[in-house]
């Protein structure tokens, strides 16, 4: 009787473990099915991305060609502009200004930058 009781308890315990394992297997199978569906979906996305890349290739090449042509035209425009300025007799002055150094701290500023293209200088004789 004690042996039968132990056997019944063991049988109930094993049945509980079996049901638990069955639930675990069912859950894993559901997860596997979901992951398979996601893999299939991602493969479709990958194919569409590859197709989009193929479609973009001609546009990338065209963009590079246009960029090169633009750079050539910019250089040509600059050259023509400089030639035109030379023909008009324009005077171009190139200057570089620098900040004061410590030993010049008490001296008056002679030249300062007004904007990106012009400088202003202090007149030596205050009459002009």
Foldseek 3Di string as FASTA:
>chain_A
DVVVVVVVVVVVVVVVVVVVVVVVVVVVVVVVVVVVVVVVVVVVVVVVVVVVVVVCVVVVVVVVVVVVVVVVVVVVVVVVVVVVCVVVVHDDDDDDDDDDDPVCVPPDFAKDDPDPRDIDGDDPDPPD
